[in-house]
Amino acid sequence: QLQASGGGLVQAGGSLRLSCAASGSIFSINVMGWYRQAPGEQRELVATITGGGSTAYRDSVKGRFTISRDNAKKTVYLEMNSLKPEDTAVYYCHDLNKDYWGQGTLVTVSS
């Protein structure tokens, strides 16, 4: 089970930090990801992180977003800086190994 939190309303240029807490799974070796889905759009991959800490990002967030994890706390984070209105979406965390999804947390960036 995954529990996402940290979304909210922020002005363009602002920052937010999303958290996703896992329970009942072998977390440390799983590849974790953050996805987002804007209204009327398909869900898209934002960033991934392996158990060893290797990361990957979609081009539009490189240099602005940082994914990280704390295996002891079974939590994955998404630090989002320099937010833009086009980052507005529901953000979901995903355990790629177990194909578990969190419930989503809404990020709204106002211009």
PDB file of N, CA and C in Angstrom:
ATOM      1  N   GLN A   1       0.854  -1.189   0.000  1.00  0.00           N
ATOM      2  CA  GLN A   1       0.000   0.000   0.000  1.00  0.00           C
ATOM      3  C   GLN A   1       0.890   1.240   0.000  1.00  0.00           C
ATOM      4  N   LEU A   2       0.469   2.250  -0.786  1.00  0.00           N
ATOM      5  CA  LEU A   2       1.236   3.476  -0.894  1.00  0.00           C
ATOM      6  C   LEU A   2       0.351   4.650  -0.519  1.00  0.00           C
ATOM      7  N   GLN A   3       0.890   5.564   0.281  1.00  0.00           N
ATOM      8  CA  GLN A   3       0.143   6.738   0.732  1.00  0.00           C
ATOM      9  C   GLN A   3       0.904   7.985   0.328  1.00  0.00           C
ATOM     10  N   ALA A   4       0.344   8.735  -0.628  1.00  0.00           N
ATOM     11  CA  ALA A   4       0.993   9.949  -1.107  1.00  0.00           C
ATOM     12  C   ALA A   4       0.445  11.166  -0.379  1.00  0.00           C
ATOM     13  N   SER A   5       1.302  12.167  -0.202  1.00  0.00           N
ATOM     14  CA  SER A   5       0.890  13.400   0.451  1.00  0.00           C
ATOM     15  C   SER A   5       1.800  14.533   0.003  1.00  0.00           C
ATOM     16  N   GLY A   6       1.411  15.766   0.348  1.00  0.00           N
ATOM     17  CA  GLY A   6       2.261  16.917   0.091  1.00  0.00           C
ATOM     18  C   GLY A   6       1.794  17.835  -1.008  1.00  0.00           C
ATOM     19  N   GLY A   7       0.734  17.471  -1.716  1.00  0.00           N
ATOM     20  CA  GLY A   7       0.245  18.330  -2.764  1.00  0.00           C
ATOM     21  C   GLY A   7      -0.392  19.594  -2.207  1.00  0.00           C
ATOM     22  N   GLY A   8      -0.691  20.524  -3.111  1.00  0.00           N
ATOM     23  CA  GLY A   8      -1.314  21.758  -2.684  1.00  0.00           C
ATOM     24  C   GLY A   8      -1.307  22.788  -3.789  1.00  0.00           C
ATOM     25  N   LEU A   9      -1.649  24.012  -3.408  1.00  0.00           N
ATOM     26  CA  LEU A   9      -1.690  25.138  -4.336  1.00  0.00           C
ATOM     27  C   LEU A   9      -0.450  25.995  -4.115  1.00  0.00           C
ATOM     28  N   VAL A  10       0.240  26.291  -5.204  1.00  0.00           N
ATOM     29  CA  VAL A  10       1.455  27.086  -5.116  1.00  0.00           C
ATOM     30  C   VAL A  10       1.531  28.011  -6.318  1.00  0.00           C
ATOM     31  N   GLN A  11       2.167  29.141  -6.143  1.00  0.00           N
ATOM     32  CA  GLN A  11       2.346  30.058  -7.257  1.00  0.00           C
ATOM     33  C   GLN A  11       3.488  29.601  -8.147  1.00  0.00           C
ATOM     34  N   ALA A  12       3.438  30.001  -9.378  1.00  0.00           N
ATOM     35  CA  ALA A  12       4.521  29.677 -10.310  1.00  0.00           C
ATOM     36  C   ALA A  12       5.848  30.153  -9.731  1.00  0.00           C
ATOM     37  N   GLY A  13       6.849  29.296  -9.870  1.00  0.00           N
ATOM     38  CA  GLY A  13       8.151  29.587  -9.294  1.00  0.00           C
ATOM     39  C   GLY A  13       8.342  29.022  -7.907  1.00  0.00           C
ATOM     40  N   GLY A  14       7.274  28.551  -7.310  1.00  0.00           N
ATOM     41  CA  GLY A  14       7.332  28.017  -5.957  1.00  0.00           C
ATOM     42  C   GLY A  14       7.784  26.571  -5.920  1.00  0.00           C
ATOM     43  N   SER A  15       7.728  26.017  -4.715  1.00  0.00           N
ATOM     44  CA  SER A  15       8.227  24.656  -4.494  1.00  0.00           C
ATOM     45  C   SER A  15       7.234  23.847  -3.673  1.00  0.00           C
ATOM     46  N   LEU A  16       7.256  22.552  -3.877  1.00  0.00           N
ATOM     47  CA  LEU A  16       6.501  21.601  -3.074  1.00  0.00           C
ATOM     48  C   LEU A  16       7.331  20.336  -2.930  1.00  0.00           C
ATOM     49  N   ARG A  17       7.079  19.612  -1.851  1.00  0.00           N
ATOM     50  CA  ARG A  17       7.724  18.322  -1.656  1.00  0.00           C
ATOM     51  C   ARG A  17       6.651  17.272  -1.432  1.00  0.00           C
ATOM     52  N   LEU A  18       6.605  16.314  -2.322  1.00  0.00           N
ATOM     53  CA  LEU A  18       5.667  15.202  -2.195  1.00  0.00           C
ATOM     54  C   LEU A  18       6.342  14.037  -1.479  1.00  0.00           C
ATOM     55  N   SER A  19       5.538  13.315  -0.714  1.00  0.00           N
ATOM     56  CA  SER A  19       6.029  12.125  -0.027  1.00  0.00           C
ATOM     57  C   SER A  19       5.122  10.952  -0.355  1.00  0.00           C
ATOM     58  N   CYS A  20       5.706   9.778  -0.360  1.00  0.00           N
ATOM     59  CA  CYS A  20       4.936   8.555  -0.597  1.00  0.00           C
ATOM     60  C   CYS A  20       5.449   7.494   0.357  1.00  0.00           C
ATOM     61  N   ALA A  21       4.621   7.123   1.308  1.00  0.00           N
ATOM     62  CA  ALA A  21       4.994   6.142   2.316  1.00  0.00           C
ATOM     63  C   ALA A  21       4.456   4.772   1.927  1.00  0.00           C
ATOM     64  N   ALA A  22       5.326   3.778   1.980  1.00  0.00           N
ATOM     65  CA  ALA A  22       4.950   2.411   1.641  1.00  0.00           C
ATOM     66  C   ALA A  22       4.779   1.590   2.911  1.00  0.00           C
ATOM     67  N   SER A  23       3.916   0.596   2.824  1.00  0.00           N
ATOM     68  CA  SER A  23       3.730  -0.307   3.948  1.00  0.00           C
ATOM     69  C   SER A  23       3.547  -1.717   3.429  1.00  0.00           C
ATOM     70  N   GLY A  24       3.961  -2.664   4.239  1.00  0.00           N
ATOM     71  CA  GLY A  24       3.711  -4.054   3.926  1.00  0.00           C
ATOM     72  C   GLY A  24       4.417  -4.582   2.694  1.00  0.00           C
ATOM     73  N   SER A  25       5.583  -4.026   2.368  1.00  0.00           N
ATOM     74  CA  SER A  25       6.295  -4.519   1.195  1.00  0.00           C
ATOM     75  C   SER A  25       7.790  -4.459   1.434  1.00  0.00           C
ATOM     76  N   ILE A  26       8.507  -5.213   0.613  1.00  0.00           N
ATOM     77  CA  ILE A  26       9.967  -5.122   0.638  1.00  0.00           C
ATOM     78  C   ILE A  26      10.319  -3.904  -0.187  1.00  0.00           C
ATOM     79  N   PHE A  27      10.513  -2.791   0.470  1.00  0.00           N
ATOM     80  CA  PHE A  27      10.606  -1.514  -0.220  1.00  0.00           C
ATOM     81  C   PHE A  27      11.981  -1.255  -0.806  1.00  0.00           C
ATOM     82  N   SER A  28      13.012  -1.672  -0.098  1.00  0.00           N
ATOM     83  CA  SER A  28      14.360  -1.169  -0.392  1.00  0.00           C
ATOM     84  C   SER A  28      14.869  -1.557  -1.769  1.00  0.00           C
ATOM     85  N   ILE A  29      14.361  -2.653  -2.341  1.00  0.00           N
ATOM     86  CA  ILE A  29      14.886  -3.071  -3.628  1.00  0.00           C
ATOM     87  C   ILE A  29      13.965  -2.684  -4.778  1.00  0.00           C
ATOM     88  N   ASN A  30      12.806  -2.143  -4.446  1.00  0.00           N
ATOM     89  CA  ASN A  30      11.833  -1.848  -5.493  1.00  0.00           C
ATOM     90  C   ASN A  30      12.140  -0.548  -6.214  1.00  0.00           C
ATOM     91  N   VAL A  31      11.886  -0.558  -7.510  1.00  0.00           N
ATOM     92  CA  VAL A  31      11.976   0.681  -8.276  1.00  0.00           C
ATOM     93  C   VAL A  31      10.701   1.472  -8.026  1.00  0.00           C
ATOM     94  N   MET A  32      10.855   2.716  -7.632  1.00  0.00           N
ATOM     95  CA  MET A  32       9.716   3.573  -7.332  1.00  0.00           C
ATOM     96  C   MET A  32       9.641   4.707  -8.339  1.00  0.00           C
ATOM     97  N   GLY A  33       8.440   5.144  -8.618  1.00  0.00           N
ATOM     98  CA  GLY A  33       8.269   6.214  -9.578  1.00  0.00           C
ATOM     99  C   GLY A  33       7.193   7.191  -9.167  1.00  0.00           C
ATOM    100  N   TRP A  34       7.294   8.382  -9.711  1.00  0.00           N
ATOM    101  CA  TRP A  34       6.234   9.378  -9.611  1.00  0.00           C
ATOM    102  C   TRP A  34       5.680   9.608 -11.015  1.00  0.00           C
ATOM    103  N   TYR A  35       4.374   9.572 -11.114  1.00  0.00           N
ATOM    104  CA  TYR A  35       3.670   9.853 -12.357  1.00  0.00           C
ATOM    105  C   TYR A  35       2.755  11.045 -12.104  1.00  0.00           C
ATOM    106  N   ARG A  36       2.246  11.631 -13.176  1.00  0.00           N
ATOM    107  CA  ARG A  36       1.256  12.690 -13.026  1.00  0.00           C
ATOM    108  C   ARG A  36       0.240  12.612 -14.164  1.00  0.00           C
ATOM    109  N   GLN A  37      -0.933  13.121 -13.839  1.00  0.00           N
ATOM    110  CA  GLN A  37      -1.996  13.142 -14.835  1.00  0.00           C
ATOM    111  C   GLN A  37      -2.722  14.471 -14.743  1.00  0.00           C
ATOM    112  N   ALA A  38      -2.616  15.244 -15.805  1.00  0.00           N
ATOM    113  CA  ALA A  38      -3.310  16.517 -15.894  1.00  0.00           C
ATOM    114  C   ALA A  38      -4.724  16.280 -16.420  1.00  0.00           C
ATOM    115  N   PRO A  39      -5.647  17.189 -16.163  1.00  0.00           N
ATOM    116  CA  PRO A  39      -7.023  17.020 -16.644  1.00  0.00           C
ATOM    117  C   PRO A  39      -7.062  16.821 -18.156  1.00  0.00           C
ATOM    118  N   GLY A  40      -7.730  15.766 -18.581  1.00  0.00           N
ATOM    119  CA  GLY A  40      -7.874  15.491 -19.995  1.00  0.00           C
ATOM    120  C   GLY A  40      -6.650  14.903 -20.662  1.00  0.00           C
ATOM    121  N   GLU A  41      -5.637  14.609 -19.857  1.00  0.00           N
ATOM    122  CA  GLU A  41      -4.397  14.083 -20.420  1.00  0.00           C
ATOM    123  C   GLU A  41      -4.146  12.664 -19.917  1.00  0.00           C
ATOM    124  N   GLN A  42      -3.232  11.971 -20.586  1.00  0.00           N
ATOM    125  CA  GLN A  42      -2.838  10.648 -20.131  1.00  0.00           C
ATOM    126  C   GLN A  42      -1.831  10.773 -18.981  1.00  0.00           C
ATOM    127  N   ARG A  43      -1.803   9.743 -18.179  1.00  0.00           N
ATOM    128  CA  ARG A  43      -0.834   9.697 -17.096  1.00  0.00           C
ATOM    129  C   ARG A  43       0.573   9.581 -17.690  1.00  0.00           C
ATOM    130  N   GLU A  44       1.510  10.328 -17.152  1.00  0.00           N
ATOM    131  CA  GLU A  44       2.864  10.310 -17.681  1.00  0.00           C
ATOM    132  C   GLU A  44       3.875  10.128 -16.554  1.00  0.00           C
ATOM    133  N   LEU A  45       4.972   9.482 -16.913  1.00  0.00           N
ATOM    134  CA  LEU A  45       6.039   9.228 -15.959  1.00  0.00           C
ATOM    135  C   LEU A  45       6.836  10.510 -15.738  1.00  0.00           C
ATOM    136  N   VAL A  46       7.065  10.835 -14.479  1.00  0.00           N
ATOM    137  CA  VAL A  46       7.823  12.025 -14.128  1.00  0.00           C
ATOM    138  C   VAL A  46       9.262  11.676 -13.751  1.00  0.00           C
ATOM    139  N   ALA A  47       9.421  10.696 -12.875  1.00  0.00           N
ATOM    140  CA  ALA A  47      10.756  10.347 -12.387  1.00  0.00           C
ATOM    141  C   ALA A  47      10.720   8.952 -11.780  1.00  0.00           C
ATOM    142  N   THR A  48      11.874   8.293 -11.809  1.00  0.00           N
ATOM    143  CA  THR A  48      12.012   6.985 -11.183  1.00  0.00           C
ATOM    144  C   THR A  48      13.303   6.951 -10.368  1.00  0.00           C
ATOM    145  N   ILE A  49      13.314   6.026  -9.410  1.00  0.00           N
ATOM    146  CA  ILE A  49      14.514   5.818  -8.613  1.00  0.00           C
ATOM    147  C   ILE A  49      14.613   4.336  -8.277  1.00  0.00           C
ATOM    148  N   THR A  50      15.797   3.769  -8.477  1.00  0.00           N
ATOM    149  CA  THR A  50      15.999   2.358  -8.177  1.00  0.00           C
ATOM    150  C   THR A  50      16.315   2.183  -6.690  1.00  0.00           C
ATOM    151  N   GLY A  51      16.371   0.921  -6.270  1.00  0.00           N
ATOM    152  CA  GLY A  51      16.727   0.651  -4.884  1.00  0.00           C
ATOM    153  C   GLY A  51      18.112   1.185  -4.530  1.00  0.00           C
ATOM    154  N   GLY A  52      18.991   1.216  -5.513  1.00  0.00           N
ATOM    155  CA  GLY A  52      20.340   1.704  -5.300  1.00  0.00           C
ATOM    156  C   GLY A  52      20.481   3.208  -5.431  1.00  0.00           C
ATOM    157  N   GLY A  53      19.396   3.876  -5.807  1.00  0.00           N
ATOM    158  CA  GLY A  53      19.425   5.328  -5.868  1.00  0.00           C
ATOM    159  C   GLY A  53      19.639   5.935  -7.238  1.00  0.00           C
ATOM    160  N   SER A  54      19.684   5.122  -8.276  1.00  0.00           N
ATOM    161  CA  SER A  54      19.805   5.668  -9.628  1.00  0.00           C
ATOM    162  C   SER A  54      18.479   6.311 -10.035  1.00  0.00           C
ATOM    163  N   THR A  55      18.586   7.486 -10.642  1.00  0.00           N
ATOM    164  CA  THR A  55      17.381   8.253 -10.959  1.00  0.00           C
ATOM    165  C   THR A  55      17.262   8.534 -12.454  1.00  0.00           C
ATOM    166  N   ALA A  56      16.035   8.792 -12.868  1.00  0.00           N
ATOM    167  CA  ALA A  56      15.764   9.192 -14.241  1.00  0.00           C
ATOM    168  C   ALA A  56      14.570  10.138 -14.223  1.00  0.00           C
ATOM    169  N   TYR A  57      14.571  11.089 -15.167  1.00  0.00           N
ATOM    170  CA  TYR A  57      13.531  12.128 -15.197  1.00  0.00           C
ATOM    171  C   TYR A  57      13.045  12.357 -16.618  1.00  0.00           C
ATOM    172  N   ARG A  58      11.782  12.774 -16.732  1.00  0.00           N
ATOM    173  CA  ARG A  58      11.342  13.229 -18.030  1.00  0.00           C
ATOM    174  C   ARG A  58      11.993  14.580 -18.292  1.00  0.00           C
ATOM    175  N   ASP A  59      12.164  14.896 -19.571  1.00  0.00           N
ATOM    176  CA  ASP A  59      12.943  16.078 -19.943  1.00  0.00           C
ATOM    177  C   ASP A  59      12.370  17.366 -19.360  1.00  0.00           C
ATOM    178  N   SER A  60      11.056  17.468 -19.300  1.00  0.00           N
ATOM    179  CA  SER A  60      10.435  18.734 -18.900  1.00  0.00           C
ATOM    180  C   SER A  60      10.644  19.066 -17.418  1.00  0.00           C
ATOM    181  N   VAL A  61      11.101  18.115 -16.617  1.00  0.00           N
ATOM    182  CA  VAL A  61      11.308  18.399 -15.195  1.00  0.00           C
ATOM    183  C   VAL A  61      12.769  18.322 -14.790  1.00  0.00           C
ATOM    184  N   LYS A  62      13.627  17.946 -15.713  1.00  0.00           N
ATOM    185  CA  LYS A  62      15.051  17.859 -15.381  1.00  0.00           C
ATOM    186  C   LYS A  62      15.576  19.206 -14.893  1.00  0.00           C
ATOM    187  N   GLY A  63      16.348  19.148 -13.813  1.00  0.00           N
ATOM    188  CA  GLY A  63      16.901  20.368 -13.250  1.00  0.00           C
ATOM    189  C   GLY A  63      15.962  21.081 -12.300  1.00  0.00           C
ATOM    190  N   ARG A  64      14.684  20.675 -12.267  1.00  0.00           N
ATOM    191  CA  ARG A  64      13.709  21.316 -11.372  1.00  0.00           C
ATOM    192  C   ARG A  64      13.202  20.344 -10.307  1.00  0.00           C
ATOM    193  N   PHE A  65      13.054  19.082 -10.663  1.00  0.00           N
ATOM    194  CA  PHE A  65      12.520  18.065  -9.752  1.00  0.00           C
ATOM    195  C   PHE A  65      13.635  17.129  -9.328  1.00  0.00           C
ATOM    196  N   THR A  66      13.532  16.649  -8.094  1.00  0.00           N
ATOM    197  CA  THR A  66      14.483  15.675  -7.577  1.00  0.00           C
ATOM    198  C   THR A  66      13.729  14.563  -6.861  1.00  0.00           C
ATOM    199  N   ILE A  67      13.954  13.337  -7.303  1.00  0.00           N
ATOM    200  CA  ILE A  67      13.370  12.180  -6.632  1.00  0.00           C
ATOM    201  C   ILE A  67      14.405  11.590  -5.690  1.00  0.00           C
ATOM    202  N   SER A  68      13.949  11.171  -4.525  1.00  0.00           N
ATOM    203  CA  SER A  68      14.858  10.565  -3.558  1.00  0.00           C
ATOM    204  C   SER A  68      14.079   9.544  -2.735  1.00  0.00           C
ATOM    205  N   ARG A  69      14.791   8.776  -1.931  1.00  0.00           N
ATOM    206  CA  ARG A  69      14.118   7.774  -1.126  1.00  0.00           C
ATOM    207  C   ARG A  69      14.850   7.583   0.185  1.00  0.00           C
ATOM    208  N   ASP A  70      14.094   7.178   1.178  1.00  0.00           N
ATOM    209  CA  ASP A  70      14.642   6.807   2.479  1.00  0.00           C
ATOM    210  C   ASP A  70      14.152   5.388   2.739  1.00  0.00           C
ATOM    211  N   ASN A  71      15.019   4.410   2.503  1.00  0.00           N
ATOM    212  CA  ASN A  71      14.586   3.019   2.612  1.00  0.00           C
ATOM    213  C   ASN A  71      14.228   2.640   4.042  1.00  0.00           C
ATOM    214  N   ALA A  72      14.874   3.249   5.021  1.00  0.00           N
ATOM    215  CA  ALA A  72      14.559   2.950   6.420  1.00  0.00           C
ATOM    216  C   ALA A  72      13.132   3.381   6.759  1.00  0.00           C
ATOM    217  N   LYS A  73      12.699   4.480   6.152  1.00  0.00           N
ATOM    218  CA  LYS A  73      11.338   4.981   6.393  1.00  0.00           C
ATOM    219  C   LYS A  73      10.349   4.473   5.349  1.00  0.00           C
ATOM    220  N   LYS A  74      10.847   3.693   4.381  1.00  0.00           N
ATOM    221  CA  LYS A  74       9.986   3.187   3.302  1.00  0.00           C
ATOM    222  C   LYS A  74       9.236   4.340   2.638  1.00  0.00           C
ATOM    223  N   THR A  75       9.949   5.380   2.325  1.00  0.00           N
ATOM    224  CA  THR A  75       9.335   6.579   1.768  1.00  0.00           C
ATOM    225  C   THR A  75      10.132   7.068   0.566  1.00  0.00           C
ATOM    226  N   VAL A  76       9.410   7.495  -0.448  1.00  0.00           N
ATOM    227  CA  VAL A  76      10.017   8.113  -1.612  1.00  0.00           C
ATOM    228  C   VAL A  76       9.494   9.550  -1.693  1.00  0.00           C
ATOM    229  N   TYR A  77      10.351  10.458  -2.125  1.00  0.00           N
ATOM    230  CA  TYR A  77      10.029  11.882  -2.157  1.00  0.00           C
ATOM    231  C   TYR A  77      10.166  12.429  -3.574  1.00  0.00           C
ATOM    232  N   LEU A  78       9.459  13.507  -3.833  1.00  0.00           N
ATOM    233  CA  LEU A  78       9.632  14.264  -5.063  1.00  0.00           C
ATOM    234  C   LEU A  78       9.697  15.735  -4.674  1.00  0.00           C
ATOM    235  N   GLU A  79      10.902  16.286  -4.737  1.00  0.00           N
ATOM    236  CA  GLU A  79      11.106  17.700  -4.479  1.00  0.00           C
ATOM    237  C   GLU A  79      10.906  18.439  -5.787  1.00  0.00           C
ATOM    238  N   MET A  80       9.979  19.385  -5.798  1.00  0.00           N
ATOM    239  CA  MET A  80       9.625  20.100  -7.025  1.00  0.00           C
ATOM    240  C   MET A  80       9.905  21.587  -6.824  1.00  0.00           C
ATOM    241  N   ASN A  81      10.816  22.110  -7.612  1.00  0.00           N
ATOM    242  CA  ASN A  81      11.180  23.522  -7.547  1.00  0.00           C
ATOM    243  C   ASN A  81      10.858  24.208  -8.870  1.00  0.00           C
ATOM    244  N   SER A  82      10.853  25.531  -8.833  1.00  0.00           N
ATOM    245  CA  SER A  82      10.571  26.327 -10.045  1.00  0.00           C
ATOM    246  C   SER A  82       9.321  25.813 -10.755  1.00  0.00           C
ATOM    247  N   LEU A  83       8.283  25.608  -9.995  1.00  0.00           N
ATOM    248  CA  LEU A  83       7.062  25.022 -10.554  1.00  0.00           C
ATOM    249  C   LEU A  83       6.427  25.940 -11.579  1.00  0.00           C
ATOM    250  N   LYS A  84       5.829  25.319 -12.589  1.00  0.00           N
ATOM    251  CA  LYS A  84       5.181  26.016 -13.678  1.00  0.00           C
ATOM    252  C   LYS A  84       3.707  25.614 -13.724  1.00  0.00           C
ATOM    253  N   PRO A  85       2.861  26.453 -14.294  1.00  0.00           N
ATOM    254  CA  PRO A  85       1.442  26.073 -14.408  1.00  0.00           C
ATOM    255  C   PRO A  85       1.243  24.735 -15.118  1.00  0.00           C
ATOM    256  N   GLU A  86       2.104  24.409 -16.059  1.00  0.00           N
ATOM    257  CA  GLU A  86       1.970  23.134 -16.773  1.00  0.00           C
ATOM    258  C   GLU A  86       2.335  21.928 -15.920  1.00  0.00           C
ATOM    259  N   ASP A  87       2.845  22.154 -14.717  1.00  0.00           N
ATOM    260  CA  ASP A  87       3.086  21.053 -13.781  1.00  0.00           C
ATOM    261  C   ASP A  87       1.822  20.681 -13.009  1.00  0.00           C
ATOM    262  N   THR A  88       0.761  21.439 -13.190  1.00  0.00           N
ATOM    263  CA  THR A  88      -0.499  21.153 -12.511  1.00  0.00           C
ATOM    264  C   THR A  88      -1.034  19.787 -12.916  1.00  0.00           C
ATOM    265  N   ALA A  89      -1.270  18.935 -11.925  1.00  0.00           N
ATOM    266  CA  ALA A  89      -1.725  17.567 -12.194  1.00  0.00           C
ATOM    267  C   ALA A  89      -1.956  16.859 -10.864  1.00  0.00           C
ATOM    268  N   VAL A  90      -2.567  15.700 -10.965  1.00  0.00           N
ATOM    269  CA  VAL A  90      -2.587  14.783  -9.831  1.00  0.00           C
ATOM    270  C   VAL A  90      -1.323  13.928  -9.939  1.00  0.00           C
ATOM    271  N   TYR A  91      -0.568  13.893  -8.876  1.00  0.00           N
ATOM    272  CA  TYR A  91       0.690  13.145  -8.843  1.00  0.00           C
ATOM    273  C   TYR A  91       0.482  11.830  -8.103  1.00  0.00           C
ATOM    274  N   TYR A  92       0.979  10.763  -8.709  1.00  0.00           N
ATOM    275  CA  TYR A  92       0.836   9.419  -8.153  1.00  0.00           C
ATOM    276  C   TYR A  92       2.206   8.795  -7.940  1.00  0.00           C
ATOM    277  N   CYS A  93       2.361   8.091  -6.835  1.00  0.00           N
ATOM    278  CA  CYS A  93       3.564   7.282  -6.685  1.00  0.00           C
ATOM    279  C   CYS A  93       3.241   5.851  -7.099  1.00  0.00           C
ATOM    280  N   HIS A  94       4.255   5.142  -7.537  1.00  0.00           N
ATOM    281  CA  HIS A  94       4.066   3.820  -8.112  1.00  0.00           C
ATOM    282  C   HIS A  94       5.229   2.931  -7.743  1.00  0.00           C
ATOM    283  N   ASP A  95       4.917   1.758  -7.237  1.00  0.00           N
ATOM    284  CA  ASP A  95       5.911   0.716  -7.024  1.00  0.00           C
ATOM    285  C   ASP A  95       5.954  -0.104  -8.301  1.00  0.00           C
ATOM    286  N   LEU A  96       7.010   0.074  -9.096  1.00  0.00           N
ATOM    287  CA  LEU A  96       7.069  -0.575 -10.401  1.00  0.00           C
ATOM    288  C   LEU A  96       7.236  -2.085 -10.290  1.00  0.00           C
ATOM    289  N   ASN A  97       7.835  -2.556  -9.220  1.00  0.00           N
ATOM    290  CA  ASN A  97       8.025  -4.001  -9.082  1.00  0.00           C
ATOM    291  C   ASN A  97       6.699  -4.697  -8.763  1.00  0.00           C
ATOM    292  N   LYS A  98       5.928  -4.103  -7.863  1.00  0.00           N
ATOM    293  CA  LYS A  98       4.680  -4.732  -7.436  1.00  0.00           C
ATOM    294  C   LYS A  98       3.462  -4.173  -8.169  1.00  0.00           C
ATOM    295  N   ASP A  99       3.672  -3.154  -8.990  1.00  0.00           N
ATOM    296  CA  ASP A  99       2.583  -2.482  -9.696  1.00  0.00           C
ATOM    297  C   ASP A  99       1.519  -1.978  -8.716  1.00  0.00           C
ATOM    298  N   TYR A 100       1.982  -1.371  -7.614  1.00  0.00           N
ATOM    299  CA  TYR A 100       1.083  -0.724  -6.663  1.00  0.00           C
ATOM    300  C   TYR A 100       1.056   0.769  -6.971  1.00  0.00           C
ATOM    301  N   TRP A 101      -0.140   1.365  -6.815  1.00  0.00           N
ATOM    302  CA  TRP A 101      -0.298   2.799  -7.016  1.00  0.00           C
ATOM    303  C   TRP A 101      -0.781   3.452  -5.731  1.00  0.00           C
ATOM    304  N   GLY A 102      -0.275   4.653  -5.478  1.00  0.00           N
ATOM    305  CA  GLY A 102      -0.815   5.463  -4.406  1.00  0.00           C
ATOM    306  C   GLY A 102      -2.102   6.126  -4.873  1.00  0.00           C
ATOM    307  N   GLN A 103      -2.773   6.835  -3.972  1.00  0.00           N
ATOM    308  CA  GLN A 103      -4.081   7.394  -4.273  1.00  0.00           C
ATOM    309  C   GLN A 103      -4.008   8.716  -5.019  1.00  0.00           C
ATOM    310  N   GLY A 104      -2.860   9.321  -5.143  1.00  0.00           N
ATOM    311  CA  GLY A 104      -2.718  10.573  -5.861  1.00  0.00           C
ATOM    312  C   GLY A 104      -2.830  11.770  -4.950  1.00  0.00           C
ATOM    313  N   THR A 105      -2.065  12.797  -5.278  1.00  0.00           N
ATOM    314  CA  THR A 105      -2.127  14.051  -4.536  1.00  0.00           C
ATOM    315  C   THR A 105      -2.091  15.188  -5.554  1.00  0.00           C
ATOM    316  N   LEU A 106      -2.991  16.154  -5.394  1.00  0.00           N
ATOM    317  CA  LEU A 106      -3.180  17.200  -6.385  1.00  0.00           C
ATOM    318  C   LEU A 106      -2.188  18.333  -6.178  1.00  0.00           C
ATOM    319  N   VAL A 107      -1.518  18.682  -7.266  1.00  0.00           N
ATOM    320  CA  VAL A 107      -0.621  19.838  -7.288  1.00  0.00           C
ATOM    321  C   VAL A 107      -1.202  20.855  -8.256  1.00  0.00           C
ATOM    322  N   THR A 108      -1.442  22.058  -7.772  1.00  0.00           N
ATOM    323  CA  THR A 108      -1.975  23.120  -8.603  1.00  0.00           C
ATOM    324  C   THR A 108      -1.012  24.294  -8.565  1.00  0.00           C
ATOM    325  N   VAL A 109      -0.553  24.696  -9.744  1.00  0.00           N
ATOM    326  CA  VAL A 109       0.395  25.804  -9.851  1.00  0.00           C
ATOM    327  C   VAL A 109      -0.315  26.966 -10.538  1.00  0.00           C
ATOM    328  N   SER A 110      -0.445  28.059  -9.843  1.00  0.00           N
ATOM    329  CA  SER A 110      -1.127  29.225 -10.405  1.00  0.00           C
ATOM    330  C   SER A 110      -0.122  30.155 -11.067  1.00  0.00           C
ATOM    331  N   SER A 111      -0.582  30.828 -12.098  1.00  0.00           N
ATOM    332  CA  SER A 111       0.308  31.725 -12.847  1.00  0.00           C
ATOM    333  C   SER A 111       0.272  33.134 -12.278  1.00  0.00           C
TER     334      SER A 111
END
